[in-house]
Amino acid sequence: ASHLISLGAIPSRVYNNLFCYKKRNDLEIQKYLINNIKTYNDIYYIT
C-alpha cells in the first residue's frame, strides 16, 4: 500500500468512494438490520 501511494494512489479518495457511499435507502437498511438482531445463546445473528 505504501508503494502504491508513492506511485499516485490516493487513500482518502479510495476510502470515500468504497466505504462512505450512501444510498437513498441506507437509513432504512441500517434500521432494519439493527432492529432484527437476534441471539442464539452467545451467537448474535440477523436474517
ModelCIF file with pLDDT and N, C-alpha, C, O atoms, coordinates in Angstrom:
data_MODEL
#
_entry.id   MODEL 
#
_entity.id                         1 
_entity.type                       polymer 
_entity.pdbx_number_of_molecules   1 
#
_entity_poly.entity_id                      1 
_entity_poly.type                           'polypeptide(L)' 
_entity_poly.nstd_linkage                   no 
_entity_poly.nstd_monomer                   no 
_entity_poly.pdbx_seq_one_letter_code       ASHLISLGAIPSRVYNNLFCYKKRNDLEIQKYLINNIKTYNDIYYIT 
_entity_poly.pdbx_seq_one_letter_code_can   ASHLISLGAIPSRVYNNLFCYKKRNDLEIQKYLINNIKTYNDIYYIT 
_entity_poly.pdbx_strand_id                 A 
#
loop_
_entity_poly_seq.entity_id 
_entity_poly_seq.num 
_entity_poly_seq.mon_id 
_entity_poly_seq.hetero 
1 1  ALA n 
1 2  SER n 
1 3  HIS n 
1 4  LEU n 
1 5  ILE n 
1 6  SER n 
1 7  LEU n 
1 8  GLY n 
1 9  ALA n 
1 10 ILE n 
1 11 PRO n 
1 12 SER n 
1 13 ARG n 
1 14 VAL n 
1 15 TYR n 
1 16 ASN n 
1 17 ASN n 
1 18 LEU n 
1 19 PHE n 
1 20 CYS n 
1 21 TYR n 
1 22 LYS n 
1 23 LYS n 
1 24 ARG n 
1 25 ASN n 
1 26 ASP n 
1 27 LEU n 
1 28 GLU n 
1 29 ILE n 
1 30 GLN n 
1 31 LYS n 
1 32 TYR n 
1 33 LEU n 
1 34 ILE n 
1 35 ASN n 
1 36 ASN n 
1 37 ILE n 
1 38 LYS n 
1 39 THR n 
1 40 TYR n 
1 41 ASN n 
1 42 ASP n 
1 43 ILE n 
1 44 TYR n 
1 45 TYR n 
1 46 ILE n 
1 47 THR n 
#
_struct_asym.id          A 
_struct_asym.entity_id   1 
#
loop_
_ma_qa_metric.id 
_ma_qa_metric.mode 
_ma_qa_metric.name 
_ma_qa_metric.software_group_id 
_ma_qa_metric.type 
1 global pLDDT . pLDDT 
2 local  pLDDT . pLDDT 
#
_ma_qa_metric_global.metric_id      1 
_ma_qa_metric_global.metric_value   89.49 
_ma_qa_metric_global.model_id       1 
_ma_qa_metric_global.ordinal_id     1 
#
loop_
_ma_qa_metric_local.label_asym_id 
_ma_qa_metric_local.label_comp_id 
_ma_qa_metric_local.label_seq_id 
_ma_qa_metric_local.metric_id 
_ma_qa_metric_local.metric_value 
_ma_qa_metric_local.model_id 
_ma_qa_metric_local.ordinal_id 
A ALA 1  2 97.00 1 1  
A SER 2  2 98.00 1 2  
A HIS 3  2 98.00 1 3  
A LEU 4  2 98.00 1 4  
A ILE 5  2 98.00 1 5  
A SER 6  2 98.00 1 6  
A LEU 7  2 97.00 1 7  
A GLY 8  2 97.00 1 8  
A ALA 9  2 97.00 1 9  
A ILE 10 2 97.00 1 10 
A PRO 11 2 96.00 1 11 
A SER 12 2 95.00 1 12 
A ARG 13 2 94.00 1 13 
A VAL 14 2 94.00 1 14 
A TYR 15 2 91.00 1 15 
A ASN 16 2 88.00 1 16 
A ASN 17 2 87.00 1 17 
A LEU 18 2 84.00 1 18 
A PHE 19 2 79.00 1 19 
A CYS 20 2 76.00 1 20 
A TYR 21 2 69.00 1 21 
A LYS 22 2 66.00 1 22 
A LYS 23 2 65.00 1 23 
A ARG 24 2 65.00 1 24 
A ASN 25 2 71.00 1 25 
A ASP 26 2 76.00 1 26 
A LEU 27 2 78.00 1 27 
A GLU 28 2 83.00 1 28 
A ILE 29 2 86.00 1 29 
A GLN 30 2 86.00 1 30 
A LYS 31 2 88.00 1 31 
A TYR 32 2 90.00 1 32 
A LEU 33 2 92.00 1 33 
A ILE 34 2 92.00 1 34 
A ASN 35 2 94.00 1 35 
A ASN 36 2 95.00 1 36 
A ILE 37 2 95.00 1 37 
A LYS 38 2 96.00 1 38 
A THR 39 2 96.00 1 39 
A TYR 40 2 96.00 1 40 
A ASN 41 2 95.00 1 41 
A ASP 42 2 93.00 1 42 
A ILE 43 2 96.00 1 43 
A TYR 44 2 96.00 1 44 
A TYR 45 2 97.00 1 45 
A ILE 46 2 96.00 1 46 
A THR 47 2 95.00 1 47 
#
loop_
_atom_site.group_PDB 
_atom_site.id 
_atom_site.type_symbol 
_atom_site.label_atom_id 
_atom_site.label_alt_id 
_atom_site.label_comp_id 
_atom_site.label_asym_id 
_atom_site.label_entity_id 
_atom_site.label_seq_id 
_atom_site.pdbx_PDB_ins_code 
_atom_site.Cartn_x 
_atom_site.Cartn_y 
_atom_site.Cartn_z 
_atom_site.occupancy 
_atom_site.B_iso_or_equiv 
_atom_site.pdbx_formal_charge 
_atom_site.auth_seq_id 
_atom_site.auth_comp_id 
_atom_site.auth_asym_id 
_atom_site.auth_atom_id 
_atom_site.pdbx_PDB_model_num 
ATOM 1   N N  . ALA A 1 1  ? 0.833   -1.205  0.000  1.00 97.00 ? 1  ALA A N  1 
ATOM 2   C CA . ALA A 1 1  ? 0.000   0.000   0.000  1.00 97.00 ? 1  ALA A CA 1 
ATOM 3   C C  . ALA A 1 1  ? 0.867   1.253   0.000  1.00 97.00 ? 1  ALA A C  1 
ATOM 4   O O  . ALA A 1 1  ? 0.573   2.218   -0.706 1.00 97.00 ? 1  ALA A O  1 
ATOM 5   N N  . SER A 1 2  ? 1.930   1.235   0.790  1.00 98.00 ? 2  SER A N  1 
ATOM 6   C CA . SER A 1 2  ? 2.840   2.378   0.860  1.00 98.00 ? 2  SER A CA 1 
ATOM 7   C C  . SER A 1 2  ? 3.466   2.668   -0.507 1.00 98.00 ? 2  SER A C  1 
ATOM 8   O O  . SER A 1 2  ? 3.573   3.820   -0.928 1.00 98.00 ? 2  SER A O  1 
ATOM 9   N N  . HIS A 1 3  ? 3.875   1.594   -1.185 1.00 98.00 ? 3  HIS A N  1 
ATOM 10  C CA . HIS A 1 3  ? 4.480   1.767   -2.504 1.00 98.00 ? 3  HIS A CA 1 
ATOM 11  C C  . HIS A 1 3  ? 3.462   2.301   -3.508 1.00 98.00 ? 3  HIS A C  1 
ATOM 12  O O  . HIS A 1 3  ? 3.784   3.164   -4.325 1.00 98.00 ? 3  HIS A O  1 
ATOM 13  N N  . LEU A 1 4  ? 2.231   1.787   -3.448 1.00 98.00 ? 4  LEU A N  1 
ATOM 14  C CA . LEU A 1 4  ? 1.189   2.239   -4.377 1.00 98.00 ? 4  LEU A CA 1 
ATOM 15  C C  . LEU A 1 4  ? 0.832   3.711   -4.139 1.00 98.00 ? 4  LEU A C  1 
ATOM 16  O O  . LEU A 1 4  ? 0.544   4.448   -5.082 1.00 98.00 ? 4  LEU A O  1 
ATOM 17  N N  . ILE A 1 5  ? 0.855   4.125   -2.880 1.00 98.00 ? 5  ILE A N  1 
ATOM 18  C CA . ILE A 1 5  ? 0.602   5.537   -2.562 1.00 98.00 ? 5  ILE A CA 1 
ATOM 19  C C  . ILE A 1 5  ? 1.715   6.410   -3.136 1.00 98.00 ? 5  ILE A C  1 
ATOM 20  O O  . ILE A 1 5  ? 1.461   7.492   -3.666 1.00 98.00 ? 5  ILE A O  1 
ATOM 21  N N  . SER A 1 6  ? 2.951   5.925   -3.024 1.00 98.00 ? 6  SER A N  1 
ATOM 22  C CA . SER A 1 6  ? 4.078   6.688   -3.569 1.00 98.00 ? 6  SER A CA 1 
ATOM 23  C C  . SER A 1 6  ? 4.000   6.805   -5.090 1.00 98.00 ? 6  SER A C  1 
ATOM 24  O O  . SER A 1 6  ? 4.575   7.716   -5.685 1.00 98.00 ? 6  SER A O  1 
ATOM 25  N N  . LEU A 1 7  ? 3.265   5.853   -5.718 1.00 97.00 ? 7  LEU A N  1 
ATOM 26  C CA . LEU A 1 7  ? 3.109   5.873   -7.175 1.00 97.00 ? 7  LEU A CA 1 
ATOM 27  C C  . LEU A 1 7  ? 1.882   6.679   -7.616 1.00 97.00 ? 7  LEU A C  1 
ATOM 28  O O  . LEU A 1 7  ? 1.649   6.856   -8.812 1.00 97.00 ? 7  LEU A O  1 
ATOM 29  N N  . GLY A 1 8  ? 1.099   7.168   -6.643 1.00 97.00 ? 8  GLY A N  1 
ATOM 30  C CA . GLY A 1 8  ? -0.013  8.039   -7.007 1.00 97.00 ? 8  GLY A CA 1 
ATOM 31  C C  . GLY A 1 8  ? -1.385  7.663   -6.497 1.00 97.00 ? 8  GLY A C  1 
ATOM 32  O O  . GLY A 1 8  ? -2.328  8.437   -6.663 1.00 97.00 ? 8  GLY A O  1 
ATOM 33  N N  . ALA A 1 9  ? -1.531  6.494   -5.877 1.00 97.00 ? 9  ALA A N  1 
ATOM 34  C CA . ALA A 1 9  ? -2.832  6.128   -5.317 1.00 97.00 ? 9  ALA A CA 1 
ATOM 35  C C  . ALA A 1 9  ? -3.197  7.100   -4.193 1.00 97.00 ? 9  ALA A C  1 
ATOM 36  O O  . ALA A 1 9  ? -2.336  7.495   -3.406 1.00 97.00 ? 9  ALA A O  1 
ATOM 37  N N  . ILE A 1 10 ? -4.461  7.480   -4.121 1.00 97.00 ? 10 ILE A N  1 
ATOM 38  C CA . ILE A 1 10 ? -4.906  8.449   -3.107 1.00 97.00 ? 10 ILE A CA 1 
ATOM 39  C C  . ILE A 1 10 ? -5.822  7.733   -2.114 1.00 97.00 ? 10 ILE A C  1 
ATOM 40  O O  . ILE A 1 10 ? -6.986  7.487   -2.430 1.00 97.00 ? 10 ILE A O  1 
ATOM 41  N N  . PRO A 1 11 ? -5.324  7.393   -0.919 1.00 96.00 ? 11 PRO A N  1 
ATOM 42  C CA . PRO A 1 11 ? -6.092  6.605   0.056  1.00 96.00 ? 11 PRO A CA 1 
ATOM 43  C C  . PRO A 1 11 ? -7.433  7.223   0.434  1.00 96.00 ? 11 PRO A C  1 
ATOM 44  O O  . PRO A 1 11 ? -8.429  6.510   0.551  1.00 96.00 ? 11 PRO A O  1 
ATOM 45  N N  . SER A 1 12 ? -7.473  8.545   0.627  1.00 95.00 ? 12 SER A N  1 
ATOM 46  C CA . SER A 1 12 ? -8.725  9.183   1.045  1.00 95.00 ? 12 SER A CA 1 
ATOM 47  C C  . SER A 1 12 ? -9.801  9.036   -0.020 1.00 95.00 ? 12 SER A C  1 
ATOM 48  O O  . SER A 1 12 ? -10.968 8.810   0.300  1.00 95.00 ? 12 SER A O  1 
ATOM 49  N N  . ARG A 1 13 ? -9.413  9.164   -1.284 1.00 94.00 ? 13 ARG A N  1 
ATOM 50  C CA . ARG A 1 13 ? -10.385 9.027   -2.369 1.00 94.00 ? 13 ARG A CA 1 
ATOM 51  C C  . ARG A 1 13 ? -10.903 7.595   -2.448 1.00 94.00 ? 13 ARG A C  1 
ATOM 52  O O  . ARG A 1 13 ? -12.098 7.368   -2.637 1.00 94.00 ? 13 ARG A O  1 
ATOM 53  N N  . VAL A 1 14 ? -9.997  6.633   -2.303 1.00 94.00 ? 14 VAL A N  1 
ATOM 54  C CA . VAL A 1 14 ? -10.402 5.230   -2.329 1.00 94.00 ? 14 VAL A CA 1 
ATOM 55  C C  . VAL A 1 14 ? -11.361 4.938   -1.187 1.00 94.00 ? 14 VAL A C  1 
ATOM 56  O O  . VAL A 1 14 ? -12.407 4.322   -1.394 1.00 94.00 ? 14 VAL A O  1 
ATOM 57  N N  . TYR A 1 15 ? -11.012 5.373   0.009  1.00 91.00 ? 15 TYR A N  1 
ATOM 58  C CA . TYR A 1 15 ? -11.861 5.099   1.180  1.00 91.00 ? 15 TYR A CA 1 
ATOM 59  C C  . TYR A 1 15 ? -13.239 5.728   1.017  1.00 91.00 ? 15 TYR A C  1 
ATOM 60  O O  . TYR A 1 15 ? -14.254 5.078   1.262  1.00 91.00 ? 15 TYR A O  1 
ATOM 61  N N  . ASN A 1 16 ? -13.276 6.985   0.605  1.00 88.00 ? 16 ASN A N  1 
ATOM 62  C CA . ASN A 1 16 ? -14.553 7.684   0.471  1.00 88.00 ? 16 ASN A CA 1 
ATOM 63  C C  . ASN A 1 16 ? -15.449 7.031   -0.572 1.00 88.00 ? 16 ASN A C  1 
ATOM 64  O O  . ASN A 1 16 ? -16.654 6.896   -0.359 1.00 88.00 ? 16 ASN A O  1 
ATOM 65  N N  . ASN A 1 17 ? -14.868 6.624   -1.697 1.00 87.00 ? 17 ASN A N  1 
ATOM 66  C CA . ASN A 1 17 ? -15.672 6.028   -2.757 1.00 87.00 ? 17 ASN A CA 1 
ATOM 67  C C  . ASN A 1 17 ? -16.103 4.599   -2.441 1.00 87.00 ? 17 ASN A C  1 
ATOM 68  O O  . ASN A 1 17 ? -17.191 4.179   -2.837 1.00 87.00 ? 17 ASN A O  1 
ATOM 69  N N  . LEU A 1 18 ? -15.261 3.849   -1.731 1.00 84.00 ? 18 LEU A N  1 
ATOM 70  C CA . LEU A 1 18 ? -15.602 2.466   -1.422 1.00 84.00 ? 18 LEU A CA 1 
ATOM 71  C C  . LEU A 1 18 ? -16.515 2.342   -0.215 1.00 84.00 ? 18 LEU A C  1 
ATOM 72  O O  . LEU A 1 18 ? -17.471 1.566   -0.232 1.00 84.00 ? 18 LEU A O  1 
ATOM 73  N N  . PHE A 1 19 ? -16.226 3.102   0.828  1.00 79.00 ? 19 PHE A N  1 
ATOM 74  C CA . PHE A 1 19 ? -16.858 2.828   2.112  1.00 79.00 ? 19 PHE A CA 1 
ATOM 75  C C  . PHE A 1 19 ? -17.751 3.943   2.665  1.00 79.00 ? 19 PHE A C  1 
ATOM 76  O O  . PHE A 1 19 ? -18.464 3.724   3.645  1.00 79.00 ? 19 PHE A O  1 
ATOM 77  N N  . CYS A 1 20 ? -17.727 5.109   2.069  1.00 76.00 ? 20 CYS A N  1 
ATOM 78  C CA . CYS A 1 20 ? -18.556 6.206   2.577  1.00 76.00 ? 20 CYS A CA 1 
ATOM 79  C C  . CYS A 1 20 ? -19.731 6.510   1.655  1.00 76.00 ? 20 CYS A C  1 
ATOM 80  O O  . CYS A 1 20 ? -20.466 7.474   1.870  1.00 76.00 ? 20 CYS A O  1 
ATOM 81  N N  . TYR A 1 21 ? -19.901 5.695   0.645  1.00 69.00 ? 21 TYR A N  1 
ATOM 82  C CA . TYR A 1 21 ? -21.012 5.873   -0.289 1.00 69.00 ? 21 TYR A CA 1 
ATOM 83  C C  . TYR A 1 21 ? -22.336 5.622   0.433  1.00 69.00 ? 21 TYR A C  1 
ATOM 84  O O  . TYR A 1 21 ? -22.482 4.622   1.136  1.00 69.00 ? 21 TYR A O  1 
ATOM 85  N N  . LYS A 1 22 ? -23.284 6.515   0.260  1.00 66.00 ? 22 LYS A N  1 
ATOM 86  C CA . LYS A 1 22 ? -24.589 6.386   0.898  1.00 66.00 ? 22 LYS A CA 1 
ATOM 87  C C  . LYS A 1 22 ? -25.691 6.344   -0.161 1.00 66.00 ? 22 LYS A C  1 
ATOM 88  O O  . LYS A 1 22 ? -25.722 7.162   -1.080 1.00 66.00 ? 22 LYS A O  1 
ATOM 89  N N  . LYS A 1 23 ? -26.585 5.381   -0.011 1.00 65.00 ? 23 LYS A N  1 
ATOM 90  C CA . LYS A 1 23 ? -27.721 5.291   -0.914 1.00 65.00 ? 23 LYS A CA 1 
ATOM 91  C C  . LYS A 1 23 ? -28.932 5.969   -0.280 1.00 65.00 ? 23 LYS A C  1 
ATOM 92  O O  . LYS A 1 23 ? -28.930 6.301   0.905  1.00 65.00 ? 23 LYS A O  1 
ATOM 93  N N  . ARG A 1 24 ? -29.956 6.163   -1.089 1.00 65.00 ? 24 ARG A N  1 
ATOM 94  C CA . ARG A 1 24 ? -31.152 6.831   -0.594 1.00 65.00 ? 24 ARG A CA 1 
ATOM 95  C C  . ARG A 1 24 ? -31.810 6.032   0.524  1.00 65.00 ? 24 ARG A C  1 
ATOM 96  O O  . ARG A 1 24 ? -32.359 6.604   1.466  1.00 65.00 ? 24 ARG A O  1 
ATOM 97  N N  . ASN A 1 25 ? -31.752 4.687   0.414  1.00 71.00 ? 25 ASN A N  1 
ATOM 98  C CA . ASN A 1 25 ? -32.413 3.856   1.420  1.00 71.00 ? 25 ASN A CA 1 
ATOM 99  C C  . ASN A 1 25 ? -31.447 3.323   2.476  1.00 71.00 ? 25 ASN A C  1 
ATOM 100 O O  . ASN A 1 25 ? -31.752 2.348   3.163  1.00 71.00 ? 25 ASN A O  1 
ATOM 101 N N  . ASP A 1 26 ? -30.281 3.964   2.606  1.00 76.00 ? 26 ASP A N  1 
ATOM 102 C CA . ASP A 1 26 ? -29.265 3.492   3.547  1.00 76.00 ? 26 ASP A CA 1 
ATOM 103 C C  . ASP A 1 26 ? -29.803 3.461   4.980  1.00 76.00 ? 26 ASP A C  1 
ATOM 104 O O  . ASP A 1 26 ? -29.572 2.499   5.713  1.00 76.00 ? 26 ASP A O  1 
ATOM 105 N N  . LEU A 1 27 ? -30.510 4.499   5.369  1.00 78.00 ? 27 LEU A N  1 
ATOM 106 C CA . LEU A 1 27 ? -31.035 4.581   6.733  1.00 78.00 ? 27 LEU A CA 1 
ATOM 107 C C  . LEU A 1 27 ? -32.040 3.468   6.998  1.00 78.00 ? 27 LEU A C  1 
ATOM 108 O O  . LEU A 1 27 ? -32.048 2.881   8.080  1.00 78.00 ? 27 LEU A O  1 
ATOM 109 N N  . GLU A 1 28 ? -32.891 3.174   6.009  1.00 83.00 ? 28 GLU A N  1 
ATOM 110 C CA . GLU A 1 28 ? -33.892 2.123   6.183  1.00 83.00 ? 28 GLU A CA 1 
ATOM 111 C C  . GLU A 1 28 ? -33.232 0.756   6.361  1.00 83.00 ? 28 GLU A C  1 
ATOM 112 O O  . GLU A 1 28 ? -33.676 -0.061  7.169  1.00 83.00 ? 28 GLU A O  1 
ATOM 113 N N  . ILE A 1 29 ? -32.164 0.520   5.593  1.00 86.00 ? 29 ILE A N  1 
ATOM 114 C CA . ILE A 1 29 ? -31.455 -0.755  5.693  1.00 86.00 ? 29 ILE A CA 1 
ATOM 115 C C  . ILE A 1 29 ? -30.780 -0.898  7.055  1.00 86.00 ? 29 ILE A C  1 
ATOM 116 O O  . ILE A 1 29 ? -30.882 -1.942  7.699  1.00 86.00 ? 29 ILE A O  1 
ATOM 117 N N  . GLN A 1 30 ? -30.086 0.163   7.493  1.00 86.00 ? 30 GLN A N  1 
ATOM 118 C CA . GLN A 1 30 ? -29.434 0.123   8.803  1.00 86.00 ? 30 GLN A CA 1 
ATOM 119 C C  . GLN A 1 30 ? -30.458 -0.083  9.917  1.00 86.00 ? 30 GLN A C  1 
ATOM 120 O O  . GLN A 1 30 ? -30.215 -0.827  10.867 1.00 86.00 ? 30 GLN A O  1 
ATOM 121 N N  . LYS A 1 31 ? -31.592 0.579   9.790  1.00 88.00 ? 31 LYS A N  1 
ATOM 122 C CA . LYS A 1 31 ? -32.658 0.435   10.794 1.00 88.00 ? 31 LYS A CA 1 
ATOM 123 C C  . LYS A 1 31 ? -33.165 -1.001  10.830 1.00 88.00 ? 31 LYS A C  1 
ATOM 124 O O  . LYS A 1 31 ? -33.378 -1.564  11.903 1.00 88.00 ? 31 LYS A O  1 
ATOM 125 N N  . TYR A 1 32 ? -33.356 -1.590  9.652  1.00 90.00 ? 32 TYR A N  1 
ATOM 126 C CA . TYR A 1 32 ? -33.824 -2.976  9.595  1.00 90.00 ? 32 TYR A CA 1 
ATOM 127 C C  . TYR A 1 32 ? -32.827 -3.908  10.271 1.00 90.00 ? 32 TYR A C  1 
ATOM 128 O O  . TYR A 1 32 ? -33.210 -4.750  11.082 1.00 90.00 ? 32 TYR A O  1 
ATOM 129 N N  . LEU A 1 33 ? -31.548 -3.756  9.937  1.00 92.00 ? 33 LEU A N  1 
ATOM 130 C CA . LEU A 1 33 ? -30.522 -4.644  10.482 1.00 92.00 ? 33 LEU A CA 1 
ATOM 131 C C  . LEU A 1 33 ? -30.438 -4.536  11.998 1.00 92.00 ? 33 LEU A C  1 
ATOM 132 O O  . LEU A 1 33 ? -30.389 -5.552  12.692 1.00 92.00 ? 33 LEU A O  1 
ATOM 133 N N  . ILE A 1 34 ? -30.421 -3.321  12.509 1.00 92.00 ? 34 ILE A N  1 
ATOM 134 C CA . ILE A 1 34 ? -30.315 -3.124  13.962 1.00 92.00 ? 34 ILE A CA 1 
ATOM 135 C C  . ILE A 1 34 ? -31.529 -3.694  14.678 1.00 92.00 ? 34 ILE A C  1 
ATOM 136 O O  . ILE A 1 34 ? -31.397 -4.317  15.732 1.00 92.00 ? 34 ILE A O  1 
ATOM 137 N N  . ASN A 1 35 ? -32.714 -3.481  14.108 1.00 94.00 ? 35 ASN A N  1 
ATOM 138 C CA . ASN A 1 35 ? -33.950 -3.938  14.756 1.00 94.00 ? 35 ASN A CA 1 
ATOM 139 C C  . ASN A 1 35 ? -34.171 -5.439  14.646 1.00 94.00 ? 35 ASN A C  1 
ATOM 140 O O  . ASN A 1 35 ? -35.053 -5.985  15.308 1.00 94.00 ? 35 ASN A O  1 
ATOM 141 N N  . ASN A 1 36 ? -33.377 -6.111  13.816 1.00 95.00 ? 36 ASN A N  1 
ATOM 142 C CA . ASN A 1 36 ? -33.583 -7.543  13.618 1.00 95.00 ? 36 ASN A CA 1 
ATOM 143 C C  . ASN A 1 36 ? -32.433 -8.403  14.126 1.00 95.00 ? 36 ASN A C  1 
ATOM 144 O O  . ASN A 1 36 ? -32.299 -9.559  13.725 1.00 95.00 ? 36 ASN A O  1 
ATOM 145 N N  . ILE A 1 37 ? -31.605 -7.850  15.003 1.00 95.00 ? 37 ILE A N  1 
ATOM 146 C CA . ILE A 1 37 ? -30.554 -8.648  15.637 1.00 95.00 ? 37 ILE A CA 1 
ATOM 147 C C  . ILE A 1 37 ? -31.201 -9.625  16.621 1.00 95.00 ? 37 ILE A C  1 
ATOM 148 O O  . ILE A 1 37 ? -31.971 -9.232  17.498 1.00 95.00 ? 37 ILE A O  1 
ATOM 149 N N  . LYS A 1 38 ? -30.873 -10.896 16.454 1.00 96.00 ? 38 LYS A N  1 
ATOM 150 C CA . LYS A 1 38 ? -31.397 -11.939 17.342 1.00 96.00 ? 38 LYS A CA 1 
ATOM 151 C C  . LYS A 1 38 ? -30.231 -12.655 18.006 1.00 96.00 ? 38 LYS A C  1 
ATOM 152 O O  . LYS A 1 38 ? -29.079 -12.482 17.608 1.00 96.00 ? 38 LYS A O  1 
ATOM 153 N N  . THR A 1 39 ? -30.529 -13.445 18.999 1.00 96.00 ? 39 THR A N  1 
ATOM 154 C CA . THR A 1 39 ? -29.466 -14.193 19.683 1.00 96.00 ? 39 THR A CA 1 
ATOM 155 C C  . THR A 1 39 ? -29.816 -15.670 19.767 1.00 96.00 ? 39 THR A C  1 
ATOM 156 O O  . THR A 1 39 ? -30.977 -16.052 19.911 1.00 96.00 ? 39 THR A O  1 
ATOM 157 N N  . TYR A 1 40 ? -28.784 -16.477 19.673 1.00 96.00 ? 40 TYR A N  1 
ATOM 158 C CA . TYR A 1 40 ? -28.902 -17.913 19.910 1.00 96.00 ? 40 TYR A CA 1 
ATOM 159 C C  . TYR A 1 40 ? -27.774 -18.252 20.872 1.00 96.00 ? 40 TYR A C  1 
ATOM 160 O O  . TYR A 1 40 ? -26.628 -18.435 20.459 1.00 96.00 ? 40 TYR A O  1 
ATOM 161 N N  . ASN A 1 41 ? -28.099 -18.332 22.143 1.00 95.00 ? 41 ASN A N  1 
ATOM 162 C CA . ASN A 1 41 ? -27.108 -18.434 23.210 1.00 95.00 ? 41 ASN A CA 1 
ATOM 163 C C  . ASN A 1 41 ? -26.115 -17.268 23.086 1.00 95.00 ? 41 ASN A C  1 
ATOM 164 O O  . ASN A 1 41 ? -26.514 -16.115 23.249 1.00 95.00 ? 41 ASN A O  1 
ATOM 165 N N  . ASP A 1 42 ? -24.837 -17.539 22.804 1.00 93.00 ? 42 ASP A N  1 
ATOM 166 C CA . ASP A 1 42 ? -23.849 -16.455 22.712 1.00 93.00 ? 42 ASP A CA 1 
ATOM 167 C C  . ASP A 1 42 ? -23.673 -15.931 21.294 1.00 93.00 ? 42 ASP A C  1 
ATOM 168 O O  . ASP A 1 42 ? -22.815 -15.082 21.052 1.00 93.00 ? 42 ASP A O  1 
ATOM 169 N N  . ILE A 1 43 ? -24.470 -16.423 20.359 1.00 96.00 ? 43 ILE A N  1 
ATOM 170 C CA . ILE A 1 43 ? -24.332 -16.025 18.960 1.00 96.00 ? 43 ILE A CA 1 
ATOM 171 C C  . ILE A 1 43 ? -25.369 -14.964 18.615 1.00 96.00 ? 43 ILE A C  1 
ATOM 172 O O  . ILE A 1 43 ? -26.565 -15.153 18.835 1.00 96.00 ? 43 ILE A O  1 
ATOM 173 N N  . TYR A 1 44 ? -24.898 -13.851 18.073 1.00 96.00 ? 44 TYR A N  1 
ATOM 174 C CA . TYR A 1 44 ? -25.801 -12.818 17.558 1.00 96.00 ? 44 TYR A CA 1 
ATOM 175 C C  . TYR A 1 44 ? -25.925 -13.037 16.050 1.00 96.00 ? 44 TYR A C  1 
ATOM 176 O O  . TYR A 1 44 ? -24.946 -13.358 15.377 1.00 96.00 ? 44 TYR A O  1 
ATOM 177 N N  . TYR A 1 45 ? -27.121 -12.864 15.540 1.00 97.00 ? 45 TYR A N  1 
ATOM 178 C CA . TYR A 1 45 ? -27.296 -13.094 14.097 1.00 97.00 ? 45 TYR A CA 1 
ATOM 179 C C  . TYR A 1 45 ? -28.458 -12.267 13.545 1.00 97.00 ? 45 TYR A C  1 
ATOM 180 O O  . TYR A 1 45 ? -29.327 -11.804 14.284 1.00 97.00 ? 45 TYR A O  1 
ATOM 181 N N  . ILE A 1 46 ? -28.442 -12.099 12.233 1.00 96.00 ? 46 ILE A N  1 
ATOM 182 C CA . ILE A 1 46 ? -29.513 -11.404 11.523 1.00 96.00 ? 46 ILE A CA 1 
ATOM 183 C C  . ILE A 1 46 ? -29.834 -12.201 10.266 1.00 96.00 ? 46 ILE A C  1 
ATOM 184 O O  . ILE A 1 46 ? -28.933 -12.694 9.587  1.00 96.00 ? 46 ILE A O  1 
ATOM 185 N N  . THR A 1 47 ? -31.106 -12.322 9.965  1.00 95.00 ? 47 THR A N  1 
ATOM 186 C CA . THR A 1 47 ? -31.565 -12.957 8.744  1.00 95.00 ? 47 THR A CA 1 
ATOM 187 C C  . THR A 1 47 ? -32.043 -11.881 7.774  1.00 95.00 ? 47 THR A C  1 
ATOM 188 O O  . THR A 1 47 ? -32.478 -12.197 6.666  1.00 95.00 ? 47 THR A O  1 
#
